[in-house]
C-alpha atoms as a PDB file:
ATOM      1  CA  MET A   1       0.000   0.000   0.000  1.00  0.00           C
ATOM      2  CA  THR A   2       1.485   3.327  -1.087  1.00  0.00           C
ATOM      3  CA  PRO A   3       0.937   6.445   1.054  1.00  0.00           C
ATOM      4  CA  LYS A   4      -1.015   9.220  -0.613  1.00  0.00           C
ATOM      5  CA  ASN A   5       0.863  12.315  -1.717  1.00  0.00           C
ATOM      6  CA  LEU A   6      -0.006  14.892   0.928  1.00  0.00           C
ATOM      7  CA  GLY A   7       2.265  17.623  -0.400  1.00  0.00           C
ATOM      8  CA  PRO A   8       6.014  18.124  -0.379  1.00  0.00           C
ATOM      9  CA  SER A   9       8.052  16.065   2.011  1.00  0.00           C
ATOM     10  CA  PRO A  10       9.477  17.894   5.033  1.00  0.00           C
ATOM     11  CA  GLY A  11      12.562  19.922   4.244  1.00  0.00           C
ATOM     12  CA  THR A  12      11.716  20.531   0.571  1.00  0.00           C
ATOM     13  CA  ALA A  13      10.589  23.817  -0.893  1.00  0.00           C
ATOM     14  CA  PRO A  14       6.986  24.089  -2.096  1.00  0.00           C
ATOM     15  CA  PRO A  15       6.463  24.322  -5.849  1.00  0.00           C
ATOM     16  CA  PRO A  16       6.491  27.840  -7.306  1.00  0.00           C
ATOM     17  CA  LEU A  17       3.193  29.601  -7.731  1.00  0.00           C
ATOM     18  CA  ALA A  18       1.714  29.513 -11.214  1.00  0.00           C
ATOM     19  CA  PRO A  19       1.986  32.778 -13.131  1.00  0.00           C
ATOM     20  CA  PRO A  20      -1.214  34.803 -13.450  1.00  0.00           C
ATOM     21  CA  GLU A  21      -3.400  33.844 -16.389  1.00  0.00           C
ATOM     22  CA  SER A  22      -3.022  37.248 -17.965  1.00  0.00           C
ATOM     23  CA  GLY A  23      -0.949  40.286 -17.092  1.00  0.00           C
ATOM     24  CA  ASN A  24      -3.560  42.411 -18.803  1.00  0.00           C
ATOM     25  CA  THR A  25      -6.098  41.447 -16.155  1.00  0.00           C
ATOM     26  CA  THR A  26      -3.947  43.372 -13.705  1.00  0.00           C
ATOM     27  CA  LEU A  27      -3.937  46.285 -16.123  1.00  0.00           C
ATOM     28  CA  LEU A  28      -7.722  46.161 -16.319  1.00  0.00           C
ATOM     29  CA  LEU A  29      -8.056  46.120 -12.554  1.00  0.00           C
ATOM     30  CA  THR A  30      -5.659  49.046 -12.329  1.00  0.00           C
ATOM     31  CA  TYR A  31      -7.842  51.023 -14.735  1.00  0.00           C
ATOM     32  CA  ALA A  32     -10.907  50.063 -12.671  1.00  0.00           C
ATOM     33  CA  SER A  33      -9.282  51.356  -9.514  1.00  0.00           C
ATOM     34  CA  ALA A  34      -8.491  54.605 -11.337  1.00  0.00           C
ATOM     35  CA  GLY A  35     -12.178  54.875 -12.234  1.00  0.00           C
ATOM     36  CA  LEU A  36     -13.206  54.301  -8.629  1.00  0.00           C
ATOM     37  CA  THR A  37     -10.636  56.841  -7.442  1.00  0.00           C
ATOM     38  CA  ALA A  38     -12.132  59.410  -9.809  1.00  0.00           C
ATOM     39  CA  LEU A  39     -15.585  58.670  -8.417  1.00  0.00           C
ATOM     40  CA  LEU A  40     -14.611  58.696  -4.743  1.00  0.00           C
ATOM     41  CA  GLY A  41     -11.632  61.053  -4.695  1.00  0.00           C
ATOM     42  CA  PRO A  42     -11.325  64.828  -4.493  1.00  0.00           C
ATOM     43  CA  GLY A  43     -12.426  65.323  -8.121  1.00  0.00           C
ATOM     44  CA  LYS A  44     -15.740  63.557  -7.666  1.00  0.00           C
ATOM     45  CA  ASN A  45     -17.649  66.853  -7.837  1.00  0.00           C
ATOM     46  CA  THR A  46     -16.110  67.822 -11.179  1.00  0.00           C
ATOM     47  CA  PRO A  47     -18.460  66.782 -14.021  1.00  0.00           C
ATOM     48  CA  GLY A  48     -15.672  65.731 -16.410  1.00  0.00           C
ATOM     49  CA  ILE A  49     -13.873  63.622 -13.832  1.00  0.00           C
ATOM     50  CA  ARG A  50     -17.123  62.037 -12.690  1.00  0.00           C
ATOM     51  CA  PHE A  51     -18.034  61.169 -16.316  1.00  0.00           C
ATOM     52  CA  HIS A  52     -14.609  59.662 -17.026  1.00  0.00           C
ATOM     53  CA  GLY A  53     -14.740  57.716 -13.759  1.00  0.00           C
ATOM     54  CA  PHE A  54     -18.027  56.066 -14.733  1.00  0.00           C
ATOM     55  CA  HIS A  55     -16.807  55.608 -18.306  1.00  0.00           C
ATOM     56  CA  ALA A  56     -13.659  53.832 -17.053  1.00  0.00           C
ATOM     57  CA  LEU A  57     -15.659  51.685 -14.676  1.00  0.00           C
ATOM     58  CA  PHE A  58     -18.167  50.582 -17.324  1.00  0.00           C
ATOM     59  CA  THR A  59     -15.376  49.941 -19.838  1.00  0.00           C
ATOM     60  CA  VAL A  60     -13.524  47.692 -17.394  1.00  0.00           C
ATOM     61  CA  ILE A  61     -16.703  45.772 -16.569  1.00  0.00           C
ATOM     62  CA  ALA A  62     -17.297  45.142 -20.298  1.00  0.00           C
ATOM     63  CA  MET A  63     -13.661  44.107 -20.852  1.00  0.00           C
ATOM     64  CA  PHE A  64     -13.662  41.797 -17.837  1.00  0.00           C
ATOM     65  CA  ALA A  65     -16.950  40.162 -18.911  1.00  0.00           C
ATOM     66  CA  THR A  66     -15.602  39.564 -22.431  1.00  0.00           C
ATOM     67  CA  HIS A  67     -12.298  38.224 -21.084  1.00  0.00           C
ATOM     68  CA  THR A  68     -14.131  35.830 -18.747  1.00  0.00           C
ATOM     69  CA  MET A  69     -16.546  34.654 -21.441  1.00  0.00           C
ATOM     70  CA  LEU A  70     -13.717  33.889 -23.875  1.00  0.00           C
ATOM     71  CA  GLY A  71     -11.878  31.991 -21.129  1.00  0.00           C
ATOM     72  CA  MET A  72     -14.923  29.870 -20.317  1.00  0.00           C
ATOM     73  CA  LEU A  73     -15.336  28.886 -23.973  1.00  0.00           C
ATOM     74  CA  GLY A  74     -11.849  27.337 -23.926  1.00  0.00           C
ATOM     75  CA  GLY A  75     -10.209  25.662 -26.908  1.00  0.00           C
ATOM     76  CA  ASN A  76      -9.371  28.011 -29.759  1.00  0.00           C
ATOM     77  CA  PHE A  77     -11.039  30.856 -27.913  1.00  0.00           C
ATOM     78  CA  GLN A  78      -8.147  30.969 -25.452  1.00  0.00           C
ATOM     79  CA  SER A  79      -5.840  32.284 -28.173  1.00  0.00           C
ATOM     80  CA  LEU A  80      -8.575  34.776 -29.054  1.00  0.00           C
ATOM     81  CA  GLN A  81      -8.680  35.677 -25.369  1.00  0.00           C
ATOM     82  CA  SER A  82      -4.961  36.495 -25.468  1.00  0.00           C
ATOM     83  CA  LEU A  83      -5.475  38.729 -28.506  1.00  0.00           C
ATOM     84  CA  PHE A  84      -8.421  40.403 -26.780  1.00  0.00           C
ATOM     85  CA  ASP A  85      -6.289  41.037 -23.680  1.00  0.00           C
ATOM     86  CA  LEU A  86      -3.582  42.620 -25.817  1.00  0.00           C
ATOM     87  CA  ALA A  87      -6.148  44.788 -27.605  1.00  0.00           C
ATOM     88  CA  ALA A  88      -7.803  45.734 -24.296  1.00  0.00           C
ATOM     89  CA  GLY A  89      -4.452  46.806 -22.888  1.00  0.00           C
ATOM     90  CA  GLY A  90      -3.720  48.892 -25.982  1.00  0.00           C
ATOM     91  CA  PHE A  91      -7.198  50.412 -25.892  1.00  0.00           C
ATOM     92  CA  THR A  92      -6.723  51.323 -22.233  1.00  0.00           C
ATOM     93  CA  VAL A  93      -3.447  53.085 -23.025  1.00  0.00           C
ATOM     94  CA  PHE A  94      -5.204  54.863 -25.919  1.00  0.00           C
ATOM     95  CA  GLN A  95      -7.970  56.078 -23.586  1.00  0.00           C
ATOM     96  CA  LEU A  96      -5.453  57.239 -20.989  1.00  0.00           C
ATOM     97  CA  TYR A  97      -3.468  59.116 -23.660  1.00  0.00           C
ATOM     98  CA  ARG A  98      -6.576  60.845 -25.002  1.00  0.00           C
ATOM     99  CA  ALA A  99      -7.782  61.822 -21.527  1.00  0.00           C
ATOM    100  CA  TYR A 100      -4.348  63.140 -20.556  1.00  0.00           C
ATOM    101  CA  ASN A 101      -4.227  65.342 -23.665  1.00  0.00           C
ATOM    102  CA  GLY A 102      -7.753  66.676 -23.099  1.00  0.00           C
ATOM    103  CA  GLN A 103      -9.165  64.966 -26.192  1.00  0.00           C
ATOM    104  CA  PRO A 104     -12.568  63.527 -25.338  1.00  0.00           C
ATOM    105  CA  PHE A 105     -13.211  59.932 -26.294  1.00  0.00           C
ATOM    106  CA  GLU A 106     -16.458  58.124 -25.667  1.00  0.00           C
ATOM    107  CA  ILE A 107     -17.477  54.550 -26.432  1.00  0.00           C
ATOM    108  CA  PRO A 108     -20.991  54.924 -27.930  1.00  0.00           C
ATOM    109  CA  VAL A 109     -23.127  52.764 -25.606  1.00  0.00           C
ATOM    110  CA  LEU A 110     -20.903  52.929 -22.527  1.00  0.00           C
ATOM    111  CA  GLY A 111     -20.420  56.675 -22.902  1.00  0.00           C
ATOM    112  CA  ALA A 112     -24.167  57.285 -22.890  1.00  0.00           C
ATOM    113  CA  MET A 113     -24.535  55.114 -19.780  1.00  0.00           C
ATOM    114  CA  ALA A 114     -21.647  56.929 -18.085  1.00  0.00           C
ATOM    115  CA  ARG A 115     -23.074  60.354 -18.924  1.00  0.00           C
ATOM    116  CA  LYS A 116     -26.476  59.381 -17.526  1.00  0.00           C
ATOM    117  CA  GLN A 117     -24.920  57.952 -14.357  1.00  0.00           C
ATOM    118  CA  ALA A 118     -22.669  60.986 -13.862  1.00  0.00           C
ATOM    119  CA  GLU A 119     -25.619  63.369 -14.227  1.00  0.00           C
ATOM    120  CA  SER A 120     -27.654  61.257 -11.802  1.00  0.00           C
ATOM    121  CA  ALA A 121     -24.808  61.297  -9.272  1.00  0.00           C
ATOM    122  CA  ALA A 122     -24.494  65.084  -9.624  1.00  0.00           C
ATOM    123  CA  HIS A 123     -28.244  65.514  -9.138  1.00  0.00           C
ATOM    124  CA  ASN A 124     -28.194  63.307  -6.024  1.00  0.00           C
ATOM    125  CA  ALA A 125     -25.155  65.138  -4.623  1.00  0.00           C
ATOM    126  CA  ASN A 126     -26.951  68.490  -5.007  1.00  0.00           C
ATOM    127  CA  HIS A 127     -30.022  67.254  -3.137  1.00  0.00           C
ATOM    128  CA  THR A 128     -28.419  65.518  -0.154  1.00  0.00           C
ATOM    129  CA  VAL A 129     -28.920  67.031   3.281  1.00  0.00           C
ATOM    130  CA  GLN A 130     -25.649  68.042   4.870  1.00  0.00           C
END
């Protein structure tokens, strides 16, 4: 009867951790945290910053959902997932560049949602009792 493998034997180093599935996922989460910072930070009362915060947040949610869906499909879609991650990272850099240079950029559906949410947040902020 052979003993079951219950992990590394005493005195041996554990196996290295597996690398993350995608480095771009970290990039996406970084962009999401930037969106949340814009919504909760000192610029939250500035309409442009509030809009871009919601826009960033909605963009990251859409990217994450697409990334996850492609990963669940498996097979050939995993190589498509890698291409999507590369494109998402490039698109994020493009959005950051445009915002830094003061050139507005808005994804059609997500931009409309972000604008509506930003206006709603501004309206609620103006009517709260302090």
